[in-house]
Amino acid sequence: MQLFLGFSRYDRQHIKDSSRISKSLYKLCDQQTVYEVTEERFKAYEELKNALKNGSFLLIPDWKLPSRLYIDFCGEGLGAALHQTQIINDKPV
């Protein structure tokens, strides 16, 4: 669950109500919490997964505009995202 939440945190600013959706899932990361998949947690997981899968926050790149490449890495993996400011906000493309 920590890996999934870490992955979803990267794009949380582009997912409407991300904090509200993931609140019950973050409770599973506490060692004092019994790992129990409730209906609320299952729905939260599905909603967050669908928001990431849908990708409605993605833009079609305009190659005439400047872009930024964000890179994140650790001993276990590597991630990268290309962002571009097209209107006001910097968004993934």
PDB file of N, CA and C in Angstrom:
ATOM      1  N   MET A   1       0.827  -1.189   0.000  1.00  0.00           N
ATOM      2  CA  MET A   1       0.000   0.000   0.000  1.00  0.00           C
ATOM      3  C   MET A   1       0.874   1.257   0.000  1.00  0.00           C
ATOM      4  N   GLN A   2       1.997   1.199   0.711  1.00  0.00           N
ATOM      5  CA  GLN A   2       2.880   2.366   0.743  1.00  0.00           C
ATOM      6  C   GLN A   2       3.417   2.697  -0.649  1.00  0.00           C
ATOM      7  N   LEU A   3       3.736   1.680  -1.432  1.00  0.00           N
ATOM      8  CA  LEU A   3       4.229   1.921  -2.793  1.00  0.00           C
ATOM      9  C   LEU A   3       3.155   2.573  -3.662  1.00  0.00           C
ATOM     10  N   PHE A   4       1.935   2.064  -3.566  1.00  0.00           N
ATOM     11  CA  PHE A   4       0.838   2.622  -4.352  1.00  0.00           C
ATOM     12  C   PHE A   4       0.576   4.073  -3.955  1.00  0.00           C
ATOM     13  N   LEU A   5       0.533   4.341  -2.653  1.00  0.00           N
ATOM     14  CA  LEU A   5       0.284   5.703  -2.189  1.00  0.00           C
ATOM     15  C   LEU A   5       1.429   6.640  -2.567  1.00  0.00           C
ATOM     16  N   GLY A   6       2.650   6.127  -2.514  1.00  0.00           N
ATOM     17  CA  GLY A   6       3.789   6.932  -2.937  1.00  0.00           C
ATOM     18  C   GLY A   6       3.695   7.295  -4.409  1.00  0.00           C
ATOM     19  N   PHE A   7       3.278   6.337  -5.213  1.00  0.00           N
ATOM     20  CA  PHE A   7       3.094   6.568  -6.643  1.00  0.00           C
ATOM     21  C   PHE A   7       2.000   7.611  -6.880  1.00  0.00           C
ATOM     22  N   SER A   8       0.896   7.485  -6.157  1.00  0.00           N
ATOM     23  CA  SER A   8      -0.225   8.407  -6.365  1.00  0.00           C
ATOM     24  C   SER A   8       0.080   9.805  -5.823  1.00  0.00           C
ATOM     25  N   ARG A   9       0.947   9.902  -4.831  1.00  0.00           N
ATOM     26  CA  ARG A   9       1.302  11.212  -4.267  1.00  0.00           C
ATOM     27  C   ARG A   9       1.985  12.105  -5.289  1.00  0.00           C
ATOM     28  N   TYR A  10       2.702  11.501  -6.205  1.00  0.00           N
ATOM     29  CA  TYR A  10       3.437  12.294  -7.184  1.00  0.00           C
ATOM     30  C   TYR A  10       2.493  13.179  -8.003  1.00  0.00           C
ATOM     31  N   ASP A  11       1.309  12.694  -8.309  1.00  0.00           N
ATOM     32  CA  ASP A  11       0.344  13.453  -9.109  1.00  0.00           C
ATOM     33  C   ASP A  11      -0.853  13.933  -8.298  1.00  0.00           C
ATOM     34  N   ARG A  12      -0.738  13.961  -6.983  1.00  0.00           N
ATOM     35  CA  ARG A  12      -1.884  14.317  -6.139  1.00  0.00           C
ATOM     36  C   ARG A  12      -2.428  15.709  -6.422  1.00  0.00           C
ATOM     37  N   GLN A  13      -1.571  16.654  -6.811  1.00  0.00           N
ATOM     38  CA  GLN A  13      -2.057  18.008  -7.066  1.00  0.00           C
ATOM     39  C   GLN A  13      -2.941  18.075  -8.309  1.00  0.00           C
ATOM     40  N   HIS A  14      -2.910  17.046  -9.119  1.00  0.00           N
ATOM     41  CA  HIS A  14      -3.717  17.020 -10.339  1.00  0.00           C
ATOM     42  C   HIS A  14      -4.968  16.151 -10.192  1.00  0.00           C
ATOM     43  N   ILE A  15      -5.126  15.513  -9.029  1.00  0.00           N
ATOM     44  CA  ILE A  15      -6.283  14.647  -8.792  1.00  0.00           C
ATOM     45  C   ILE A  15      -7.213  15.337  -7.808  1.00  0.00           C
ATOM     46  N   LYS A  16      -8.416  15.624  -8.249  1.00  0.00           N
ATOM     47  CA  LYS A  16      -9.393  16.310  -7.398  1.00  0.00           C
ATOM     48  C   LYS A  16      -9.687  15.475  -6.153  1.00  0.00           C
ATOM     49  N   ASP A  17      -9.642  16.116  -4.996  1.00  0.00           N
ATOM     50  CA  ASP A  17      -9.937  15.494  -3.697  1.00  0.00           C
ATOM     51  C   ASP A  17      -8.992  14.343  -3.362  1.00  0.00           C
ATOM     52  N   SER A  18      -7.775  14.420  -3.801  1.00  0.00           N
ATOM     53  CA  SER A  18      -6.801  13.350  -3.557  1.00  0.00           C
ATOM     54  C   SER A  18      -6.638  13.045  -2.068  1.00  0.00           C
ATOM     55  N   SER A  19      -6.553  14.075  -1.238  1.00  0.00           N
ATOM     56  CA  SER A  19      -6.375  13.867   0.207  1.00  0.00           C
ATOM     57  C   SER A  19      -7.573  13.153   0.816  1.00  0.00           C
ATOM     58  N   ARG A  20      -8.763  13.587   0.425  1.00  0.00           N
ATOM     59  CA  ARG A  20      -9.976  12.963   0.960  1.00  0.00           C
ATOM     60  C   ARG A  20     -10.061  11.497   0.541  1.00  0.00           C
ATOM     61  N   ILE A  21      -9.749  11.234  -0.714  1.00  0.00           N
ATOM     62  CA  ILE A  21      -9.842   9.869  -1.235  1.00  0.00           C
ATOM     63  C   ILE A  21      -8.860   8.942  -0.527  1.00  0.00           C
ATOM     64  N   SER A  22      -7.631   9.387  -0.358  1.00  0.00           N
ATOM     65  CA  SER A  22      -6.578   8.502   0.155  1.00  0.00           C
ATOM     66  C   SER A  22      -6.481   8.444   1.675  1.00  0.00           C
ATOM     67  N   LYS A  23      -7.270   9.226   2.385  1.00  0.00           N
ATOM     68  CA  LYS A  23      -7.178   9.286   3.849  1.00  0.00           C
ATOM     69  C   LYS A  23      -7.293   7.907   4.502  1.00  0.00           C
ATOM     70  N   SER A  24      -8.285   7.129   4.136  1.00  0.00           N
ATOM     71  CA  SER A  24      -8.476   5.814   4.765  1.00  0.00           C
ATOM     72  C   SER A  24      -7.363   4.843   4.387  1.00  0.00           C
ATOM     73  N   LEU A  25      -6.740   5.044   3.231  1.00  0.00           N
ATOM     74  CA  LEU A  25      -5.648   4.164   2.805  1.00  0.00           C
ATOM     75  C   LEU A  25      -4.367   4.455   3.579  1.00  0.00           C
ATOM     76  N   TYR A  26      -4.145   5.720   3.911  1.00  0.00           N
ATOM     77  CA  TYR A  26      -2.954   6.073   4.692  1.00  0.00           C
ATOM     78  C   TYR A  26      -2.996   5.463   6.089  1.00  0.00           C
ATOM     79  N   LYS A  27      -4.187   5.232   6.605  1.00  0.00           N
ATOM     80  CA  LYS A  27      -4.304   4.594   7.927  1.00  0.00           C
ATOM     81  C   LYS A  27      -3.709   3.191   7.907  1.00  0.00           C
ATOM     82  N   LEU A  28      -3.732   2.534   6.751  1.00  0.00           N
ATOM     83  CA  LEU A  28      -3.161   1.186   6.643  1.00  0.00           C
ATOM     84  C   LEU A  28      -1.640   1.187   6.777  1.00  0.00           C
ATOM     85  N   CYS A  29      -1.018   2.325   6.583  1.00  0.00           N
ATOM     86  CA  CYS A  29       0.448   2.423   6.681  1.00  0.00           C
ATOM     87  C   CYS A  29       0.917   2.544   8.124  1.00  0.00           C
ATOM     88  N   ASP A  30       0.002   2.809   9.038  1.00  0.00           N
ATOM     89  CA  ASP A  30       0.341   2.892  10.460  1.00  0.00           C
ATOM     90  C   ASP A  30       0.483   1.478  11.017  1.00  0.00           C
ATOM     91  N   GLN A  31       1.588   1.212  11.684  1.00  0.00           N
ATOM     92  CA  GLN A  31       1.831  -0.134  12.216  1.00  0.00           C
ATOM     93  C   GLN A  31       0.839  -0.513  13.313  1.00  0.00           C
ATOM     94  N   GLN A  32       0.184   0.468  13.908  1.00  0.00           N
ATOM     95  CA  GLN A  32      -0.797   0.196  14.961  1.00  0.00           C
ATOM     96  C   GLN A  32      -2.166  -0.196  14.393  1.00  0.00           C
ATOM     97  N   THR A  33      -2.360   0.018  13.101  1.00  0.00           N
ATOM     98  CA  THR A  33      -3.644  -0.274  12.467  1.00  0.00           C
ATOM     99  C   THR A  33      -3.674  -1.708  11.957  1.00  0.00           C
ATOM    100  N   VAL A  34      -4.772  -2.391  12.235  1.00  0.00           N
ATOM    101  CA  VAL A  34      -4.970  -3.737  11.703  1.00  0.00           C
ATOM    102  C   VAL A  34      -5.235  -3.607  10.204  1.00  0.00           C
ATOM    103  N   TYR A  35      -4.486  -4.377   9.402  1.00  0.00           N
ATOM    104  CA  TYR A  35      -4.626  -4.298   7.945  1.00  0.00           C
ATOM    105  C   TYR A  35      -5.904  -5.027   7.553  1.00  0.00           C
ATOM    106  N   GLU A  36      -6.949  -4.257   7.389  1.00  0.00           N
ATOM    107  CA  GLU A  36      -8.255  -4.808   7.049  1.00  0.00           C
ATOM    108  C   GLU A  36      -8.802  -4.052   5.840  1.00  0.00           C
ATOM    109  N   VAL A  37      -9.181  -4.784   4.816  1.00  0.00           N
ATOM    110  CA  VAL A  37      -9.739  -4.159   3.618  1.00  0.00           C
ATOM    111  C   VAL A  37     -11.242  -4.017   3.822  1.00  0.00           C
ATOM    112  N   THR A  38     -11.646  -2.795   4.135  1.00  0.00           N
ATOM    113  CA  THR A  38     -13.064  -2.505   4.319  1.00  0.00           C
ATOM    114  C   THR A  38     -13.638  -2.013   2.991  1.00  0.00           C
ATOM    115  N   GLU A  39     -14.944  -1.888   2.943  1.00  0.00           N
ATOM    116  CA  GLU A  39     -15.588  -1.381   1.731  1.00  0.00           C
ATOM    117  C   GLU A  39     -15.127   0.045   1.439  1.00  0.00           C
ATOM    118  N   GLU A  40     -14.992   0.858   2.496  1.00  0.00           N
ATOM    119  CA  GLU A  40     -14.533   2.244   2.334  1.00  0.00           C
ATOM    120  C   GLU A  40     -13.126   2.285   1.728  1.00  0.00           C
ATOM    121  N   ARG A  41     -12.244   1.442   2.239  1.00  0.00           N
ATOM    122  CA  ARG A  41     -10.865   1.421   1.736  1.00  0.00           C
ATOM    123  C   ARG A  41     -10.800   0.880   0.310  1.00  0.00           C
ATOM    124  N   PHE A  42     -11.605  -0.117   0.017  1.00  0.00           N
ATOM    125  CA  PHE A  42     -11.628  -0.668  -1.337  1.00  0.00           C
ATOM    126  C   PHE A  42     -12.109   0.385  -2.332  1.00  0.00           C
ATOM    127  N   LYS A  43     -13.170   1.110  -1.971  1.00  0.00           N
ATOM    128  CA  LYS A  43     -13.688   2.162  -2.848  1.00  0.00           C
ATOM    129  C   LYS A  43     -12.656   3.270  -3.034  1.00  0.00           C
ATOM    130  N   ALA A  44     -11.954   3.623  -1.956  1.00  0.00           N
ATOM    131  CA  ALA A  44     -10.920   4.661  -2.044  1.00  0.00           C
ATOM    132  C   ALA A  44      -9.796   4.220  -2.969  1.00  0.00           C
ATOM    133  N   TYR A  45      -9.378   2.965  -2.832  1.00  0.00           N
ATOM    134  CA  TYR A  45      -8.321   2.426  -3.692  1.00  0.00           C
ATOM    135  C   TYR A  45      -8.743   2.467  -5.158  1.00  0.00           C
ATOM    136  N   GLU A  46      -9.950   2.016  -5.438  1.00  0.00           N
ATOM    137  CA  GLU A  46     -10.454   1.999  -6.815  1.00  0.00           C
ATOM    138  C   GLU A  46     -10.579   3.410  -7.382  1.00  0.00           C
ATOM    139  N   GLU A  47     -11.069   4.343  -6.565  1.00  0.00           N
ATOM    140  CA  GLU A  47     -11.244   5.721  -7.034  1.00  0.00           C
ATOM    141  C   GLU A  47      -9.889   6.364  -7.358  1.00  0.00           C
ATOM    142  N   LEU A  48      -8.916   6.142  -6.492  1.00  0.00           N
ATOM    143  CA  LEU A  48      -7.582   6.689  -6.724  1.00  0.00           C
ATOM    144  C   LEU A  48      -6.919   6.027  -7.933  1.00  0.00           C
ATOM    145  N   LYS A  49      -7.069   4.722  -8.036  1.00  0.00           N
ATOM    146  CA  LYS A  49      -6.507   3.983  -9.176  1.00  0.00           C
ATOM    147  C   LYS A  49      -7.116   4.474 -10.490  1.00  0.00           C
ATOM    148  N   ASN A  50      -8.433   4.666 -10.508  1.00  0.00           N
ATOM    149  CA  ASN A  50      -9.102   5.128 -11.723  1.00  0.00           C
ATOM    150  C   ASN A  50      -8.702   6.554 -12.087  1.00  0.00           C
ATOM    151  N   ALA A  51      -8.499   7.398 -11.077  1.00  0.00           N
ATOM    152  CA  ALA A  51      -8.063   8.773 -11.348  1.00  0.00           C
ATOM    153  C   ALA A  51      -6.686   8.775 -11.999  1.00  0.00           C
ATOM    154  N   LEU A  52      -5.802   7.898 -11.532  1.00  0.00           N
ATOM    155  CA  LEU A  52      -4.465   7.796 -12.125  1.00  0.00           C
ATOM    156  C   LEU A  52      -4.529   7.194 -13.524  1.00  0.00           C
ATOM    157  N   LYS A  53      -5.373   6.185 -13.672  1.00  0.00           N
ATOM    158  CA  LYS A  53      -5.497   5.483 -14.954  1.00  0.00           C
ATOM    159  C   LYS A  53      -6.165   6.365 -16.010  1.00  0.00           C
ATOM    160  N   ASN A  54      -7.150   7.143 -15.592  1.00  0.00           N
ATOM    161  CA  ASN A  54      -7.886   8.017 -16.491  1.00  0.00           C
ATOM    162  C   ASN A  54      -6.961   9.065 -17.103  1.00  0.00           C
ATOM    163  N   GLY A  55      -6.099   9.634 -16.278  1.00  0.00           N
ATOM    164  CA  GLY A  55      -5.135  10.609 -16.771  1.00  0.00           C
ATOM    165  C   GLY A  55      -5.753  11.860 -17.349  1.00  0.00           C
ATOM    166  N   SER A  56      -6.933  12.260 -16.869  1.00  0.00           N
ATOM    167  CA  SER A  56      -7.586  13.453 -17.406  1.00  0.00           C
ATOM    168  C   SER A  56      -6.801  14.719 -17.090  1.00  0.00           C
ATOM    169  N   PHE A  57      -5.805  14.595 -16.218  1.00  0.00           N
ATOM    170  CA  PHE A  57      -4.981  15.753 -15.877  1.00  0.00           C
ATOM    171  C   PHE A  57      -3.804  15.915 -16.839  1.00  0.00           C
ATOM    172  N   LEU A  58      -3.653  14.985 -17.779  1.00  0.00           N
ATOM    173  CA  LEU A  58      -2.545  15.065 -18.731  1.00  0.00           C
ATOM    174  C   LEU A  58      -2.864  16.033 -19.868  1.00  0.00           C
ATOM    175  N   LEU A  59      -1.842  16.682 -20.373  1.00  0.00           N
ATOM    176  CA  LEU A  59      -1.981  17.585 -21.511  1.00  0.00           C
ATOM    177  C   LEU A  59      -1.293  16.991 -22.734  1.00  0.00           C
ATOM    178  N   ILE A  60      -1.733  17.400 -23.895  1.00  0.00           N
ATOM    179  CA  ILE A  60      -1.019  17.050 -25.123  1.00  0.00           C
ATOM    180  C   ILE A  60       0.131  18.045 -25.244  1.00  0.00           C
ATOM    181  N   PRO A  61       1.354  17.564 -25.403  1.00  0.00           N
ATOM    182  CA  PRO A  61       2.491  18.492 -25.414  1.00  0.00           C
ATOM    183  C   PRO A  61       2.478  19.451 -26.608  1.00  0.00           C
ATOM    184  N   ASP A  62       2.853  20.677 -26.336  1.00  0.00           N
ATOM    185  CA  ASP A  62       3.064  21.676 -27.378  1.00  0.00           C
ATOM    186  C   ASP A  62       4.575  21.842 -27.482  1.00  0.00           C
ATOM    187  N   TRP A  63       5.174  21.267 -28.502  1.00  0.00           N
ATOM    188  CA  TRP A  63       6.632  21.200 -28.604  1.00  0.00           C
ATOM    189  C   TRP A  63       7.279  22.558 -28.838  1.00  0.00           C
ATOM    190  N   LYS A  64       6.465  23.596 -29.059  1.00  0.00           N
ATOM    191  CA  LYS A  64       7.013  24.949 -29.207  1.00  0.00           C
ATOM    192  C   LYS A  64       7.253  25.613 -27.849  1.00  0.00           C
ATOM    193  N   LEU A  65       6.647  25.067 -26.799  1.00  0.00           N
ATOM    194  CA  LEU A  65       6.783  25.631 -25.452  1.00  0.00           C
ATOM    195  C   LEU A  65       7.890  24.920 -24.683  1.00  0.00           C
ATOM    196  N   PRO A  66       8.505  25.617 -23.718  1.00  0.00           N
ATOM    197  CA  PRO A  66       9.535  24.958 -22.903  1.00  0.00           C
ATOM    198  C   PRO A  66       8.934  23.863 -22.026  1.00  0.00           C
ATOM    199  N   SER A  67       9.733  22.877 -21.725  1.00  0.00           N
ATOM    200  CA  SER A  67       9.299  21.746 -20.892  1.00  0.00           C
ATOM    201  C   SER A  67      10.266  21.564 -19.734  1.00  0.00           C
ATOM    202  N   ARG A  68       9.800  20.843 -18.704  1.00  0.00           N
ATOM    203  CA  ARG A  68      10.643  20.485 -17.561  1.00  0.00           C
ATOM    204  C   ARG A  68      10.597  18.973 -17.405  1.00  0.00           C
ATOM    205  N   LEU A  69      11.747  18.388 -17.147  1.00  0.00           N
ATOM    206  CA  LEU A  69      11.828  16.959 -16.885  1.00  0.00           C
ATOM    207  C   LEU A  69      12.137  16.772 -15.406  1.00  0.00           C
ATOM    208  N   TYR A  70      11.215  16.139 -14.678  1.00  0.00           N
ATOM    209  CA  TYR A  70      11.402  15.849 -13.261  1.00  0.00           C
ATOM    210  C   TYR A  70      11.826  14.391 -13.127  1.00  0.00           C
ATOM    211  N   ILE A  71      12.882  14.161 -12.365  1.00  0.00           N
ATOM    212  CA  ILE A  71      13.402  12.807 -12.170  1.00  0.00           C
ATOM    213  C   ILE A  71      13.472  12.524 -10.677  1.00  0.00           C
ATOM    214  N   ASP A  72      13.073  11.322 -10.295  1.00  0.00           N
ATOM    215  CA  ASP A  72      13.126  10.881  -8.905  1.00  0.00           C
ATOM    216  C   ASP A  72      13.683   9.466  -8.905  1.00  0.00           C
ATOM    217  N   PHE A  73      14.631   9.192  -8.028  1.00  0.00           N
ATOM    218  CA  PHE A  73      15.200   7.849  -7.992  1.00  0.00           C
ATOM    219  C   PHE A  73      15.639   7.495  -6.584  1.00  0.00           C
ATOM    220  N   CYS A  74      15.743   6.210  -6.360  1.00  0.00           N
ATOM    221  CA  CYS A  74      16.261   5.677  -5.104  1.00  0.00           C
ATOM    222  C   CYS A  74      16.939   4.352  -5.438  1.00  0.00           C
ATOM    223  N   GLY A  75      17.342   3.627  -4.429  1.00  0.00           N
ATOM    224  CA  GLY A  75      18.015   2.358  -4.659  1.00  0.00           C
ATOM    225  C   GLY A  75      17.127   1.300  -5.281  1.00  0.00           C
ATOM    226  N   GLU A  76      15.810   1.508  -5.265  1.00  0.00           N
ATOM    227  CA  GLU A  76      14.876   0.490  -5.750  1.00  0.00           C
ATOM    228  C   GLU A  76      14.185   0.841  -7.054  1.00  0.00           C
ATOM    229  N   GLY A  77      14.312   2.083  -7.507  1.00  0.00           N
ATOM    230  CA  GLY A  77      13.593   2.421  -8.728  1.00  0.00           C
ATOM    231  C   GLY A  77      13.898   3.812  -9.230  1.00  0.00           C
ATOM    232  N   LEU A  78      13.292   4.128 -10.362  1.00  0.00           N
ATOM    233  CA  LEU A  78      13.493   5.403 -11.031  1.00  0.00           C
ATOM    234  C   LEU A  78      12.165   5.850 -11.617  1.00  0.00           C
ATOM    235  N   GLY A  79      11.888   7.128 -11.525  1.00  0.00           N
ATOM    236  CA  GLY A  79      10.681   7.673 -12.123  1.00  0.00           C
ATOM    237  C   GLY A  79      10.997   9.001 -12.784  1.00  0.00           C
ATOM    238  N   ALA A  80      10.239   9.355 -13.792  1.00  0.00           N
ATOM    239  CA  ALA A  80      10.437  10.626 -14.478  1.00  0.00           C
ATOM    240  C   ALA A  80       9.099  11.120 -15.004  1.00  0.00           C
ATOM    241  N   ALA A  81       8.960  12.440 -15.097  1.00  0.00           N
ATOM    242  CA  ALA A  81       7.742  13.040 -15.632  1.00  0.00           C
ATOM    243  C   ALA A  81       8.109  14.290 -16.415  1.00  0.00           C
ATOM    244  N   LEU A  82       7.507  14.438 -17.567  1.00  0.00           N
ATOM    245  CA  LEU A  82       7.703  15.617 -18.394  1.00  0.00           C
ATOM    246  C   LEU A  82       6.547  16.570 -18.129  1.00  0.00           C
ATOM    247  N   HIS A  83       6.853  17.813 -17.751  1.00  0.00           N
ATOM    248  CA  HIS A  83       5.833  18.814 -17.448  1.00  0.00           C
ATOM    249  C   HIS A  83       6.000  20.006 -18.385  1.00  0.00           C
ATOM    250  N   GLN A  84       4.876  20.717 -18.560  1.00  0.00           N
ATOM    251  CA  GLN A  84       4.889  21.879 -19.428  1.00  0.00           C
ATOM    252  C   GLN A  84       3.855  22.880 -18.921  1.00  0.00           C
ATOM    253  N   THR A  85       4.185  24.166 -18.960  1.00  0.00           N
ATOM    254  CA  THR A  85       3.238  25.212 -18.586  1.00  0.00           C
ATOM    255  C   THR A  85       2.573  25.702 -19.861  1.00  0.00           C
ATOM    256  N   GLN A  86       1.285  25.357 -20.026  1.00  0.00           N
ATOM    257  CA  GLN A  86       0.577  25.748 -21.247  1.00  0.00           C
ATOM    258  C   GLN A  86      -0.406  26.878 -20.996  1.00  0.00           C
ATOM    259  N   ILE A  87      -1.078  26.850 -19.881  1.00  0.00           N
ATOM    260  CA  ILE A  87      -2.054  27.901 -19.593  1.00  0.00           C
ATOM    261  C   ILE A  87      -1.537  28.708 -18.403  1.00  0.00           C
ATOM    262  N   ILE A  88      -1.704  28.170 -17.215  1.00  0.00           N
ATOM    263  CA  ILE A  88      -1.206  28.833 -16.012  1.00  0.00           C
ATOM    264  C   ILE A  88      -0.340  27.876 -15.214  1.00  0.00           C
ATOM    265  N   ASN A  89      -0.821  26.675 -15.024  1.00  0.00           N
ATOM    266  CA  ASN A  89      -0.152  25.715 -14.150  1.00  0.00           C
ATOM    267  C   ASN A  89       0.764  24.774 -14.920  1.00  0.00           C
ATOM    268  N   ASP A  90       1.797  24.347 -14.231  1.00  0.00           N
ATOM    269  CA  ASP A  90       2.715  23.338 -14.748  1.00  0.00           C
ATOM    270  C   ASP A  90       2.015  21.988 -14.633  1.00  0.00           C
ATOM    271  N   LYS A  91       1.810  21.287 -15.762  1.00  0.00           N
ATOM    272  CA  LYS A  91       1.086  20.014 -15.751  1.00  0.00           C
ATOM    273  C   LYS A  91       1.868  18.950 -16.489  1.00  0.00           C
ATOM    274  N   PRO A  92       1.629  17.671 -16.124  1.00  0.00           N
ATOM    275  CA  PRO A  92       2.308  16.594 -16.843  1.00  0.00           C
ATOM    276  C   PRO A  92       1.776  16.452 -18.265  1.00  0.00           C
ATOM    277  N   VAL A  93       2.669  16.076 -19.170  1.00  0.00           N
ATOM    278  CA  VAL A  93       2.281  15.850 -20.570  1.00  0.00           C
ATOM    279  C   VAL A  93       2.590  14.418 -20.955  1.00  0.00           C
TER     280      VAL A  93
END
